[in-house]
Each structure stands twice: as structure tokens, then as C-alpha cells.
Amino acid sequence: MVFILAVFSMFLTACSTTLIQDKVAQTDTPVNHCSGSQSVDDSSVAVLPIPFVAFFVPHADLNEIKPDQYLSNCAAPEKLVNRKVELHKTGCVPAGLSRIITLGIWQWCPASVSWEADVRQASAENN
């Protein structure tokens, strides 16, 4: 029974989450498009690290994933419009075996973050 619940919880963790998505903003200044992706560690540990009980308690992330950290690869925040940052956790499904091996206490999750934004250029009037 515990094994079935563990397998079911592994499949629930596989998804994509949108961390930031702005509505499309029209701008009268020229824009350049910036995008990218990066592999991240989205592992988690049980709040109550007791074997088997850990399957049923909440898990806390070991690494905080901040969207602004990735958008800063494009430009300063005040220059960005139409921002979008997504966290893809599809790699967590096969890596969910780590949660079974550790009896629910820890789960390794190799995820990826993708981001895109439009960068407003400084207008000629400001120069």
C-alpha cells in the first residue's frame, strides 16, 4: 500500500509551473527578445523526517527558485516587459525513486527553468 502511494505521489510532482507571466504590454520603444533555460535542483525534504511518515507530511524545498534571478540574465527589471518564467519538473518522475529509497524523507528533482522577456531599449531622447 505504501509503495502504491509513493508511486502515485511521484506522478503528481511531474508538471510545469508558471512562476511569472505578464500580460502582453505594448511599448513605443524598440524591444529585443531575450530567452533561455537552465537546469536546477528542485529537491525537497520532509518537514517531519520520520521514515514512512514522511510520505504523508509536507515537503520543503531545499533550493528556492526565484524568477528574478533568471530574468536578470536579460536586463535590469525596469527594462523588462512581457516576462514569463516556467519551472519544468518532468525530470522528477524518474528521479522520484529517491523518495522511495529514502522512505519518503528526501526527493531529488532535476528540474529546468525557462524564461523569456522583451527588453526595452533606451530611447534616443534619453541619450
C-alpha atoms as a PDB file:
ATOM      1  CA  MET A   1       0.000   0.000   0.000  1.00  0.00           C
ATOM      2  CA  VAL A   2       2.797   2.432   0.891  1.00  0.00           C
ATOM      3  CA  PHE A   3       4.534   1.624  -2.394  1.00  0.00           C
ATOM      4  CA  ILE A   4       1.388   2.471  -4.391  1.00  0.00           C
ATOM      5  CA  LEU A   5       1.038   5.784  -2.566  1.00  0.00           C
ATOM      6  CA  ALA A   6       4.698   6.556  -3.193  1.00  0.00           C
ATOM      7  CA  VAL A   7       4.373   5.882  -6.917  1.00  0.00           C
ATOM      8  CA  PHE A   8       1.220   7.995  -7.076  1.00  0.00           C
ATOM      9  CA  SER A   9       2.959  10.899  -5.321  1.00  0.00           C
ATOM     10  CA  MET A  10       5.821  10.696  -7.847  1.00  0.00           C
ATOM     11  CA  PHE A  11       3.426  11.215 -10.736  1.00  0.00           C
ATOM     12  CA  LEU A  12       1.799  14.194  -9.035  1.00  0.00           C
ATOM     13  CA  THR A  13       5.111  16.031  -8.890  1.00  0.00           C
ATOM     14  CA  ALA A  14       5.643  15.954 -12.663  1.00  0.00           C
ATOM     15  CA  CYS A  15       4.355  19.172 -14.134  1.00  0.00           C
ATOM     16  CA  SER A  16       5.218  22.654 -15.286  1.00  0.00           C
ATOM     17  CA  THR A  17       4.559  25.662 -13.126  1.00  0.00           C
ATOM     18  CA  THR A  18       4.447  29.216 -14.386  1.00  0.00           C
ATOM     19  CA  LEU A  19       6.263  31.392 -11.857  1.00  0.00           C
ATOM     20  CA  ILE A  20       5.743  34.721 -13.674  1.00  0.00           C
ATOM     21  CA  GLN A  21       3.676  35.629 -16.718  1.00  0.00           C
ATOM     22  CA  ASP A  22       2.939  39.240 -17.541  1.00  0.00           C
ATOM     23  CA  LYS A  23       0.154  40.285 -19.823  1.00  0.00           C
ATOM     24  CA  VAL A  24       1.480  41.358 -23.179  1.00  0.00           C
ATOM     25  CA  ALA A  25       2.463  45.002 -22.883  1.00  0.00           C
ATOM     26  CA  GLN A  26       2.660  47.261 -25.899  1.00  0.00           C
ATOM     27  CA  THR A  27       5.547  49.687 -25.878  1.00  0.00           C
ATOM     28  CA  ASP A  28       6.519  52.504 -28.214  1.00  0.00           C
ATOM     29  CA  THR A  29      10.237  51.948 -27.662  1.00  0.00           C
ATOM     30  CA  PRO A  30      12.134  49.288 -29.633  1.00  0.00           C
ATOM     31  CA  VAL A  31      12.459  45.920 -27.928  1.00  0.00           C
ATOM     32  CA  ASN A  32      14.776  42.923 -28.144  1.00  0.00           C
ATOM     33  CA  HIS A  33      13.671  39.434 -27.163  1.00  0.00           C
ATOM     34  CA  CYS A  34      15.627  37.525 -24.536  1.00  0.00           C
ATOM     35  CA  SER A  35      15.126  33.883 -23.586  1.00  0.00           C
ATOM     36  CA  GLY A  36      16.981  30.995 -22.057  1.00  0.00           C
ATOM     37  CA  SER A  37      16.826  27.906 -19.906  1.00  0.00           C
ATOM     38  CA  GLN A  38      18.884  26.336 -17.166  1.00  0.00           C
ATOM     39  CA  SER A  39      18.913  23.096 -15.202  1.00  0.00           C
ATOM     40  CA  VAL A  40      18.175  23.496 -11.491  1.00  0.00           C
ATOM     41  CA  ASP A  41      17.908  21.321  -8.401  1.00  0.00           C
ATOM     42  CA  ASP A  42      14.348  21.435  -7.042  1.00  0.00           C
ATOM     43  CA  SER A  43      14.880  18.744  -4.404  1.00  0.00           C
ATOM     44  CA  SER A  44      12.797  18.639  -1.246  1.00  0.00           C
ATOM     45  CA  VAL A  45      12.925  17.148   2.222  1.00  0.00           C
ATOM     46  CA  ALA A  46      10.069  16.132   4.509  1.00  0.00           C
ATOM     47  CA  VAL A  47       9.149  18.587   7.235  1.00  0.00           C
ATOM     48  CA  LEU A  48       8.874  15.657   9.628  1.00  0.00           C
ATOM     49  CA  PRO A  49      11.744  13.341   8.577  1.00  0.00           C
ATOM     50  CA  ILE A  50      10.464  10.072  10.035  1.00  0.00           C
ATOM     51  CA  PRO A  51      10.598   7.072   7.659  1.00  0.00           C
ATOM     52  CA  PHE A  52       7.229   6.165   6.084  1.00  0.00           C
ATOM     53  CA  VAL A  53       5.507   9.049   7.924  1.00  0.00           C
ATOM     54  CA  ALA A  54       7.445  11.371   5.593  1.00  0.00           C
ATOM     55  CA  PHE A  55       5.306  10.166   2.654  1.00  0.00           C
ATOM     56  CA  PHE A  56       2.284  11.893   4.183  1.00  0.00           C
ATOM     57  CA  VAL A  57       3.713  15.169   5.509  1.00  0.00           C
ATOM     58  CA  PRO A  58       4.534  18.309   3.506  1.00  0.00           C
ATOM     59  CA  HIS A  59       7.941  18.660   1.893  1.00  0.00           C
ATOM     60  CA  ALA A  60      10.070  21.814   1.980  1.00  0.00           C
ATOM     61  CA  ASP A  61      12.195  22.893  -0.983  1.00  0.00           C
ATOM     62  CA  LEU A  62      15.935  22.771  -0.408  1.00  0.00           C
ATOM     63  CA  ASN A  63      16.676  25.428  -3.043  1.00  0.00           C
ATOM     64  CA  GLU A  64      14.463  28.473  -3.509  1.00  0.00           C
ATOM     65  CA  ILE A  65      13.866  29.229  -7.170  1.00  0.00           C
ATOM     66  CA  LYS A  66      13.491  32.989  -7.675  1.00  0.00           C
ATOM     67  CA  PRO A  67      12.227  34.144 -11.086  1.00  0.00           C
ATOM     68  CA  ASP A  68      14.072  37.475 -10.853  1.00  0.00           C
ATOM     69  CA  GLN A  69      17.357  35.594 -10.595  1.00  0.00           C
ATOM     70  CA  TYR A  70      16.852  34.185 -14.099  1.00  0.00           C
ATOM     71  CA  LEU A  71      15.314  37.300 -15.643  1.00  0.00           C
ATOM     72  CA  SER A  72      18.375  39.277 -14.542  1.00  0.00           C
ATOM     73  CA  ASN A  73      20.254  37.385 -17.287  1.00  0.00           C
ATOM     74  CA  CYS A  74      18.304  39.554 -19.756  1.00  0.00           C
ATOM     75  CA  ALA A  75      18.468  43.056 -18.253  1.00  0.00           C
ATOM     76  CA  ALA A  76      17.572  45.171 -15.256  1.00  0.00           C
ATOM     77  CA  PRO A  77      13.989  44.553 -14.026  1.00  0.00           C
ATOM     78  CA  GLU A  78      12.749  48.022 -15.021  1.00  0.00           C
ATOM     79  CA  LYS A  79      13.666  47.343 -18.683  1.00  0.00           C
ATOM     80  CA  LEU A  80      11.730  44.058 -18.951  1.00  0.00           C
ATOM     81  CA  VAL A  81       8.204  43.661 -20.318  1.00  0.00           C
ATOM     82  CA  ASN A  82       6.199  40.571 -21.265  1.00  0.00           C
ATOM     83  CA  ARG A  83       8.086  38.417 -18.744  1.00  0.00           C
ATOM     84  CA  LYS A  84       7.494  34.680 -18.449  1.00  0.00           C
ATOM     85  CA  VAL A  85       9.309  32.178 -16.224  1.00  0.00           C
ATOM     86  CA  GLU A  86       8.361  28.492 -16.058  1.00  0.00           C
ATOM     87  CA  LEU A  87       9.600  25.661 -13.875  1.00  0.00           C
ATOM     88  CA  HIS A  88       9.522  22.255 -15.610  1.00  0.00           C
ATOM     89  CA  LYS A  89       9.556  19.272 -13.244  1.00  0.00           C
ATOM     90  CA  THR A  90       9.197  16.398 -15.702  1.00  0.00           C
ATOM     91  CA  GLY A  91      12.591  15.049 -14.622  1.00  0.00           C
ATOM     92  CA  CYS A  92      11.169  14.492 -11.150  1.00  0.00           C
ATOM     93  CA  VAL A  93       9.164  11.446 -12.246  1.00  0.00           C
ATOM     94  CA  PRO A  94      12.091   9.074 -12.861  1.00  0.00           C
ATOM     95  CA  ALA A  95      14.079  10.699 -10.042  1.00  0.00           C
ATOM     96  CA  GLY A  96      11.152  10.036  -7.680  1.00  0.00           C
ATOM     97  CA  LEU A  97      12.768   6.706  -6.934  1.00  0.00           C
ATOM     98  CA  SER A  98      14.968   8.645  -4.488  1.00  0.00           C
ATOM     99  CA  ARG A  99      11.866   9.333  -2.392  1.00  0.00           C
ATOM    100  CA  ILE A 100      11.089   5.609  -2.180  1.00  0.00           C
ATOM    101  CA  ILE A 101      14.678   4.695  -1.332  1.00  0.00           C
ATOM    102  CA  THR A 102      14.794   7.281   1.481  1.00  0.00           C
ATOM    103  CA  LEU A 103      11.363   6.126   2.758  1.00  0.00           C
ATOM    104  CA  GLY A 104       9.745   9.453   1.911  1.00  0.00           C
ATOM    105  CA  ILE A 105      12.252  11.730   3.612  1.00  0.00           C
ATOM    106  CA  TRP A 106      14.079  13.249   0.604  1.00  0.00           C
ATOM    107  CA  GLN A 107      13.287  13.587  -3.085  1.00  0.00           C
ATOM    108  CA  TRP A 108      15.799  14.552  -5.731  1.00  0.00           C
ATOM    109  CA  CYS A 109      14.235  16.610  -8.510  1.00  0.00           C
ATOM    110  CA  PRO A 110      16.314  17.638 -11.531  1.00  0.00           C
ATOM    111  CA  ALA A 111      14.145  20.394 -12.983  1.00  0.00           C
ATOM    112  CA  SER A 112      14.675  23.118 -15.550  1.00  0.00           C
ATOM    113  CA  VAL A 113      13.753  26.790 -15.579  1.00  0.00           C
ATOM    114  CA  SER A 114      12.952  28.562 -18.831  1.00  0.00           C
ATOM    115  CA  TRP A 115      12.484  32.306 -19.128  1.00  0.00           C
ATOM    116  CA  GLU A 116      11.698  34.863 -21.765  1.00  0.00           C
ATOM    117  CA  ALA A 117      11.143  38.597 -21.801  1.00  0.00           C
ATOM    118  CA  ASP A 118      11.221  41.617 -24.051  1.00  0.00           C
ATOM    119  CA  VAL A 119      13.916  44.142 -23.251  1.00  0.00           C
ATOM    120  CA  ARG A 120      13.050  47.788 -23.849  1.00  0.00           C
ATOM    121  CA  GLN A 121      15.832  49.808 -25.424  1.00  0.00           C
ATOM    122  CA  ALA A 122      16.677  53.280 -24.187  1.00  0.00           C
ATOM    123  CA  SER A 123      15.052  55.850 -26.445  1.00  0.00           C
ATOM    124  CA  ALA A 124      17.205  58.343 -28.350  1.00  0.00           C
ATOM    125  CA  GLU A 125      15.654  61.207 -26.357  1.00  0.00           C
ATOM    126  CA  ASN A 126      17.286  59.955 -23.138  1.00  0.00           C
ATOM    127  CA  ASN A 127      20.813  59.927 -24.597  1.00  0.00           C
END
